[in-house]
Amino acid sequence: MVILFKTAKLEKEFNESKQMVKRHGPHRAKLLQKRLFELRAATVMEDIFRLPQARCHELHGNRKGTLSVDLDHPFRLIFEPADEPIPTKPDGGLDWTKVTTIRILGIEDTHE
């Protein structure tokens, strides 16, 4: 998959190991690197959905339109589909089999 970033600062933070460790600590940085590798290796979003350890799912409420994968509890990597137009199913839901580009928004505790 193609990975874009919300900001250039976020892109630098996620693509430079030293910055990642400084901002998130060694444990979360290692998990983040693993998730980024999995996302880059995937052909479509459905590939990530099938990884049980990632626990990928769409968010709801005020986070509708975004997705997340596990890092270290309670933190999750937050992203959104960035294909133009966003692929949808006939019922209006996101078509995971056609999402090939995502935009990373950040890391958050989605339970707050």
C-alpha atoms as a PDB file:
ATOM      1  CA  MET A   1       0.000   0.000   0.000  1.00  0.00           C
ATOM      2  CA  VAL A   2       0.995   3.595  -0.471  1.00  0.00           C
ATOM      3  CA  ILE A   3       1.411   5.454   2.820  1.00  0.00           C
ATOM      4  CA  LEU A   4       0.943   9.216   3.052  1.00  0.00           C
ATOM      5  CA  PHE A   5       1.177  11.338   6.190  1.00  0.00           C
ATOM      6  CA  LYS A   6      -1.012  14.130   7.541  1.00  0.00           C
ATOM      7  CA  THR A   7       2.036  16.419   7.937  1.00  0.00           C
ATOM      8  CA  ALA A   8       5.687  16.505   6.902  1.00  0.00           C
ATOM      9  CA  LYS A   9       6.621  16.541  10.602  1.00  0.00           C
ATOM     10  CA  LEU A  10       4.697  13.311  11.191  1.00  0.00           C
ATOM     11  CA  GLU A  11       6.329  11.735   8.130  1.00  0.00           C
ATOM     12  CA  LYS A  12       9.789  12.573   9.450  1.00  0.00           C
ATOM     13  CA  GLU A  13       8.900  11.255  12.922  1.00  0.00           C
ATOM     14  CA  PHE A  14       7.632   7.946  11.503  1.00  0.00           C
ATOM     15  CA  ASN A  15      10.440   7.445   8.980  1.00  0.00           C
ATOM     16  CA  GLU A  16      13.437   8.225  11.188  1.00  0.00           C
ATOM     17  CA  SER A  17      14.094   5.613  13.867  1.00  0.00           C
ATOM     18  CA  LYS A  18      15.852   8.072  16.171  1.00  0.00           C
ATOM     19  CA  GLN A  19      12.891  10.487  16.069  1.00  0.00           C
ATOM     20  CA  MET A  20      10.430   7.635  16.570  1.00  0.00           C
ATOM     21  CA  VAL A  21      12.239   6.322  19.664  1.00  0.00           C
ATOM     22  CA  LYS A  22      12.670   9.836  21.078  1.00  0.00           C
ATOM     23  CA  ARG A  23       8.946  10.607  20.710  1.00  0.00           C
ATOM     24  CA  HIS A  24       7.403   7.211  21.565  1.00  0.00           C
ATOM     25  CA  GLY A  25      10.018   5.203  23.458  1.00  0.00           C
ATOM     26  CA  PRO A  26      11.780   2.038  22.253  1.00  0.00           C
ATOM     27  CA  HIS A  27       8.897  -0.396  22.816  1.00  0.00           C
ATOM     28  CA  ARG A  28       6.209   1.559  20.955  1.00  0.00           C
ATOM     29  CA  ALA A  29       8.706   2.561  18.259  1.00  0.00           C
ATOM     30  CA  LYS A  30       9.426  -1.122  17.587  1.00  0.00           C
ATOM     31  CA  LEU A  31       5.700  -1.914  17.339  1.00  0.00           C
ATOM     32  CA  LEU A  32       5.149   1.108  15.115  1.00  0.00           C
ATOM     33  CA  GLN A  33       7.933   0.030  12.757  1.00  0.00           C
ATOM     34  CA  LYS A  34       6.335  -3.421  12.548  1.00  0.00           C
ATOM     35  CA  ARG A  35       2.910  -1.952  11.697  1.00  0.00           C
ATOM     36  CA  LEU A  36       4.405   0.368   9.069  1.00  0.00           C
ATOM     37  CA  PHE A  37       6.187  -2.609   7.496  1.00  0.00           C
ATOM     38  CA  GLU A  38       2.901  -4.579   7.439  1.00  0.00           C
ATOM     39  CA  LEU A  39       1.029  -1.642   5.905  1.00  0.00           C
ATOM     40  CA  ARG A  40       3.678  -1.110   3.211  1.00  0.00           C
ATOM     41  CA  ALA A  41       3.730  -4.846   2.397  1.00  0.00           C
ATOM     42  CA  ALA A  42      -0.050  -5.069   2.031  1.00  0.00           C
ATOM     43  CA  THR A  43      -1.587  -4.821  -1.413  1.00  0.00           C
ATOM     44  CA  VAL A  44      -4.974  -3.649  -0.132  1.00  0.00           C
ATOM     45  CA  MET A  45      -6.432  -2.732   3.269  1.00  0.00           C
ATOM     46  CA  GLU A  46      -8.148  -6.116   3.555  1.00  0.00           C
ATOM     47  CA  ASP A  47      -4.670  -7.705   3.949  1.00  0.00           C
ATOM     48  CA  ILE A  48      -4.239  -5.775   7.220  1.00  0.00           C
ATOM     49  CA  PHE A  49      -7.765  -6.579   8.349  1.00  0.00           C
ATOM     50  CA  ARG A  50      -6.837 -10.275   8.165  1.00  0.00           C
ATOM     51  CA  LEU A  51      -3.869  -9.894  10.569  1.00  0.00           C
ATOM     52  CA  PRO A  52      -5.317 -10.821  13.990  1.00  0.00           C
ATOM     53  CA  GLN A  53      -2.490  -9.142  15.918  1.00  0.00           C
ATOM     54  CA  ALA A  54      -3.200  -5.792  14.218  1.00  0.00           C
ATOM     55  CA  ARG A  55      -6.875  -5.724  15.257  1.00  0.00           C
ATOM     56  CA  CYS A  56      -7.639  -3.348  12.410  1.00  0.00           C
ATOM     57  CA  HIS A  57     -11.080  -1.795  12.466  1.00  0.00           C
ATOM     58  CA  GLU A  58     -13.062   1.239  11.420  1.00  0.00           C
ATOM     59  CA  LEU A  59     -13.742   3.814  14.123  1.00  0.00           C
ATOM     60  CA  HIS A  60     -17.149   5.284  14.885  1.00  0.00           C
ATOM     61  CA  GLY A  61     -18.742   8.463  16.204  1.00  0.00           C
ATOM     62  CA  ASN A  62     -16.633  11.580  15.768  1.00  0.00           C
ATOM     63  CA  ARG A  63     -13.847   9.370  14.348  1.00  0.00           C
ATOM     64  CA  LYS A  64     -16.016   7.963  11.539  1.00  0.00           C
ATOM     65  CA  GLY A  65     -14.023   7.574   8.333  1.00  0.00           C
ATOM     66  CA  THR A  66     -10.822   6.613  10.142  1.00  0.00           C
ATOM     67  CA  LEU A  67      -9.309   3.237  10.974  1.00  0.00           C
ATOM     68  CA  SER A  68      -6.870   2.016  13.583  1.00  0.00           C
ATOM     69  CA  VAL A  69      -4.451  -0.814  14.341  1.00  0.00           C
ATOM     70  CA  ASP A  70      -3.035  -1.871  17.700  1.00  0.00           C
ATOM     71  CA  LEU A  71       0.278  -0.680  19.026  1.00  0.00           C
ATOM     72  CA  ASP A  72       0.714  -0.988  22.810  1.00  0.00           C
ATOM     73  CA  HIS A  73      -2.441  -0.742  24.904  1.00  0.00           C
ATOM     74  CA  PRO A  74      -4.186   1.677  24.890  1.00  0.00           C
ATOM     75  CA  PHE A  75      -2.413   3.331  21.947  1.00  0.00           C
ATOM     76  CA  ARG A  76      -3.380   2.775  18.331  1.00  0.00           C
ATOM     77  CA  LEU A  77      -2.096   3.962  14.967  1.00  0.00           C
ATOM     78  CA  ILE A  78      -4.835   6.091  13.367  1.00  0.00           C
ATOM     79  CA  PHE A  79      -5.194   6.462   9.591  1.00  0.00           C
ATOM     80  CA  GLU A  80      -7.723   7.103   6.858  1.00  0.00           C
ATOM     81  CA  PRO A  81      -8.179   5.847   3.313  1.00  0.00           C
ATOM     82  CA  ALA A  82      -6.614   8.293   0.865  1.00  0.00           C
ATOM     83  CA  ASP A  83      -7.703   6.845  -2.473  1.00  0.00           C
ATOM     84  CA  GLU A  84      -9.601   9.303  -4.673  1.00  0.00           C
ATOM     85  CA  PRO A  85     -12.463   8.584  -4.669  1.00  0.00           C
ATOM     86  CA  ILE A  86     -12.632   6.529  -1.462  1.00  0.00           C
ATOM     87  CA  PRO A  87     -13.779   3.037  -2.512  1.00  0.00           C
ATOM     88  CA  THR A  88     -17.178   2.129  -1.110  1.00  0.00           C
ATOM     89  CA  LYS A  89     -19.477  -0.869  -1.223  1.00  0.00           C
ATOM     90  CA  PRO A  90     -23.027  -0.604  -2.613  1.00  0.00           C
ATOM     91  CA  ASP A  91     -24.299  -0.177   0.983  1.00  0.00           C
ATOM     92  CA  GLY A  92     -22.011   2.857   1.436  1.00  0.00           C
ATOM     93  CA  GLY A  93     -19.448   1.141   3.679  1.00  0.00           C
ATOM     94  CA  LEU A  94     -15.706   1.223   3.031  1.00  0.00           C
ATOM     95  CA  ASP A  95     -14.550  -1.395   0.509  1.00  0.00           C
ATOM     96  CA  TRP A  96     -11.407  -2.761   2.181  1.00  0.00           C
ATOM     97  CA  THR A  97     -10.585  -4.803  -0.939  1.00  0.00           C
ATOM     98  CA  LYS A  98      -9.989  -1.641  -2.975  1.00  0.00           C
ATOM     99  CA  VAL A  99      -8.186   0.677  -0.526  1.00  0.00           C
ATOM    100  CA  THR A 100      -4.590   0.946  -1.784  1.00  0.00           C
ATOM    101  CA  THR A 101      -3.537   4.289  -0.279  1.00  0.00           C
ATOM    102  CA  ILE A 102      -3.778   5.480   3.318  1.00  0.00           C
ATOM    103  CA  ARG A 103      -2.928   8.685   5.176  1.00  0.00           C
ATOM    104  CA  ILE A 104      -1.500   8.302   8.678  1.00  0.00           C
ATOM    105  CA  LEU A 105      -3.003  10.786  11.122  1.00  0.00           C
ATOM    106  CA  GLY A 106      -1.108   9.896  14.303  1.00  0.00           C
ATOM    107  CA  ILE A 107      -1.046   7.754  17.418  1.00  0.00           C
ATOM    108  CA  GLU A 108      -3.838   8.059  19.978  1.00  0.00           C
ATOM    109  CA  ASP A 109      -5.609   6.422  22.858  1.00  0.00           C
ATOM    110  CA  THR A 110      -8.990   6.021  21.166  1.00  0.00           C
ATOM    111  CA  HIS A 111     -10.695   5.184  24.454  1.00  0.00           C
ATOM    112  CA  GLU A 112     -10.355   8.655  25.957  1.00  0.00           C
END
